[in-house]
């Protein structure tokens, strides 16, 4: 019997307007903080063992409420930053031995969805709205299913 578990890929919550500070320093908006709290509440009991994030402020801030609830630290990874393909994200998911949560950007998550679809993984949606979560079900060595969870309040 193959042990299955879920990994959670979160698109960062809503952030402040572009151009007000350097993009990598842009924090969450008030609505984004509410989305981050909702994500934390939804995932607090999911058995997550590690938290990974792009180093961009808005991504780290998206996982901070979950880190506070679980007592874990948010670990940053360059491969989750804006402008990357899905390879860094997939490496983390496919090397996981227990549930993990990752926070990244829309372009990385869109690359992830394209890659999963090419591999024949069933996707129940194609969206990646800010504050949403993709639940990736892991089989023995790879992702076997992907389920979209829209952002809180939508």
Protein backbone atom coordinates (compact mmCIF):
# COMPACT_ATOMS: atom_id res chain seq x y z
CA UNK A 1 0.00 0.00 0.00
CA UNK A 2 1.39 3.39 -1.02
CA UNK A 3 1.15 6.02 1.69
CA UNK A 4 -0.52 9.14 0.31
CA UNK A 5 -0.36 12.59 1.81
CA UNK A 6 -1.12 16.14 0.76
CA UNK A 7 1.17 19.08 0.10
CA UNK A 8 -0.29 22.59 0.07
CA UNK A 9 0.80 25.17 -2.50
CA UNK A 10 -0.43 28.63 -1.56
CA UNK A 11 -0.38 31.65 -3.83
CA UNK A 12 0.54 34.64 -1.70
CA UNK A 13 -2.37 36.65 -0.37
CA UNK A 14 -3.27 40.09 -1.69
CA UNK A 15 -0.48 42.64 -1.32
CA UNK A 16 -0.16 46.40 -1.41
CA UNK A 17 0.07 48.29 -4.69
CA UNK A 18 3.09 47.84 -6.94
CA UNK A 19 5.45 50.79 -7.13
CA UNK A 20 5.12 51.92 -3.50
CA UNK A 21 8.23 49.93 -2.38
CA UNK A 22 10.63 47.50 -4.04
CA UNK A 23 8.51 44.62 -5.29
CA UNK A 24 10.23 41.98 -3.16
CA UNK A 25 9.47 44.07 -0.05
CA UNK A 26 5.78 44.68 -0.79
CA UNK A 27 3.76 43.58 2.27
CA UNK A 28 0.28 42.15 2.44
CA UNK A 29 -2.70 44.48 2.34
CA UNK A 30 -5.35 44.42 5.08
CA UNK A 31 -7.37 41.98 2.95
CA UNK A 32 -4.22 39.92 2.41
CA UNK A 33 -3.66 39.63 6.16
CA UNK A 34 -7.25 38.40 6.51
CA UNK A 35 -6.61 35.84 3.74
CA UNK A 36 -3.39 34.71 5.47
CA UNK A 37 -5.29 34.20 8.74
CA UNK A 38 -7.96 32.17 6.92
CA UNK A 39 -5.26 30.01 5.27
CA UNK A 40 -3.68 29.41 8.68
CA UNK A 41 -6.99 28.38 10.21
CA UNK A 42 -7.75 26.06 7.29
CA UNK A 43 -4.35 24.33 7.39
CA UNK A 44 -3.55 24.36 11.13
CA UNK A 45 -4.66 20.74 11.61
CA UNK A 46 -3.40 19.37 8.28
CA UNK A 47 -0.34 17.70 9.80
CA UNK A 48 2.06 20.00 7.98
CA UNK A 49 5.68 19.37 8.96
CA UNK A 50 7.54 22.17 7.10
CA UNK A 51 6.76 25.64 5.73
CA UNK A 52 8.59 26.92 2.64
CA UNK A 53 8.22 30.32 0.99
CA UNK A 54 9.61 32.65 -1.60
CA UNK A 55 11.71 35.26 0.22
CA UNK A 56 9.38 38.03 -1.03
CA UNK A 57 7.74 39.72 1.97
CA UNK A 58 4.19 39.03 0.78
CA UNK A 59 4.85 35.28 0.58
CA UNK A 60 6.53 35.03 3.98
CA UNK A 61 3.72 37.12 5.53
CA UNK A 62 1.15 34.78 3.98
CA UNK A 63 2.56 31.81 5.91
CA UNK A 64 3.43 33.63 9.16
CA UNK A 65 0.00 33.10 10.78
CA UNK A 66 0.27 29.36 10.03
CA UNK A 67 3.80 29.35 11.46
CA UNK A 68 2.48 31.02 14.62
CA UNK A 69 -0.31 28.46 15.01
CA UNK A 70 1.95 25.45 14.44
CA UNK A 71 5.16 26.66 16.09
CA UNK A 72 7.12 26.19 12.87
CA UNK A 73 9.53 28.51 11.12
CA UNK A 74 8.98 29.74 7.55
CA UNK A 75 12.01 28.66 5.49
CA UNK A 76 12.71 30.64 2.33
CA UNK A 77 13.78 29.04 -0.95
CA UNK A 78 15.03 30.90 -4.02
CA UNK A 79 13.28 28.46 -6.36
CA UNK A 80 9.88 29.68 -5.13
CA UNK A 81 10.55 33.31 -6.11
CA UNK A 82 8.77 35.13 -8.89
CA UNK A 83 10.27 34.49 -12.33
CA UNK A 84 11.12 30.83 -11.74
CA UNK A 85 9.58 27.79 -13.36
CA UNK A 86 7.98 25.05 -11.27
CA UNK A 87 11.13 22.93 -10.86
CA UNK A 88 12.12 24.26 -7.41
CA UNK A 89 8.58 23.91 -6.12
CA UNK A 90 8.24 20.39 -7.54
CA UNK A 91 11.59 19.36 -6.07
CA UNK A 92 10.33 20.29 -2.61
CA UNK A 93 6.98 18.53 -3.09
CA UNK A 94 8.47 15.39 -4.62
CA UNK A 95 11.16 15.07 -1.95
CA UNK A 96 8.70 15.54 0.92
CA UNK A 97 8.01 12.54 3.13
CA UNK A 98 5.13 14.19 5.00
CA UNK A 99 2.74 17.11 4.39
CA UNK A 100 4.36 20.49 3.68
CA UNK A 101 3.05 23.94 2.79
CA UNK A 102 4.71 26.24 0.25
CA UNK A 103 3.97 29.83 -0.70
CA UNK A 104 4.88 31.18 -4.11
CA UNK A 105 3.78 33.48 -6.92
CA UNK A 106 1.23 33.24 -9.70
CA UNK A 107 3.76 32.63 -12.48
CA UNK A 108 5.44 29.77 -10.58
CA UNK A 109 2.09 28.18 -9.75
CA UNK A 110 0.90 28.51 -13.35
CA UNK A 111 4.10 26.73 -14.43
CA UNK A 112 3.35 24.05 -11.84
CA UNK A 113 -0.16 23.51 -13.21
CA UNK A 114 1.13 23.28 -16.78
CA UNK A 115 3.77 20.76 -15.73
CA UNK A 116 1.28 18.64 -13.77
CA UNK A 117 -1.20 18.64 -16.65
CA UNK A 118 1.56 17.53 -19.04
CA UNK A 119 2.33 14.66 -16.68
CA UNK A 120 -1.30 13.57 -16.78
CA UNK A 121 -2.16 14.68 -13.24
CA UNK A 122 -5.89 15.43 -13.01
CA UNK A 123 -6.52 19.11 -12.17
CA UNK A 124 -9.99 20.11 -11.03
CA UNK A 125 -9.41 23.76 -12.01
CA UNK A 126 -6.83 26.00 -13.67
CA UNK A 127 -6.98 29.07 -11.43
CA UNK A 128 -4.40 30.42 -9.02
CA UNK A 129 -6.04 33.45 -7.44
CA UNK A 130 -4.18 35.37 -4.74
CA UNK A 131 -4.77 33.67 -1.40
CA UNK A 132 -5.80 30.37 -2.98
CA UNK A 133 -4.36 26.94 -2.24
CA UNK A 134 -3.64 23.94 -4.45
CA UNK A 135 -3.80 20.67 -2.54
CA UNK A 136 -1.40 18.26 -4.23
CA UNK A 137 -1.90 14.61 -3.32
CA UNK A 138 1.38 12.72 -3.28
CA UNK A 139 1.64 9.07 -4.16
CA UNK A 140 4.83 7.03 -3.83
CA UNK A 141 7.13 9.34 -5.84
CA UNK A 142 5.00 11.99 -7.47
CA UNK A 143 1.85 14.07 -7.45
CA UNK A 144 -1.21 12.00 -8.38
CA UNK A 145 -4.00 14.59 -8.02
CA UNK A 146 -4.47 18.33 -7.60
CA UNK A 147 -7.44 20.11 -6.01
CA UNK A 148 -8.04 23.88 -6.08
CA UNK A 149 -9.25 25.69 -2.96
CA UNK A 150 -10.34 29.28 -3.71
CA UNK A 151 -9.31 32.14 -1.43
CA UNK A 152 -11.34 32.86 1.66
CA UNK A 153 -14.39 34.98 0.91
CA UNK A 154 -14.72 34.00 -2.75
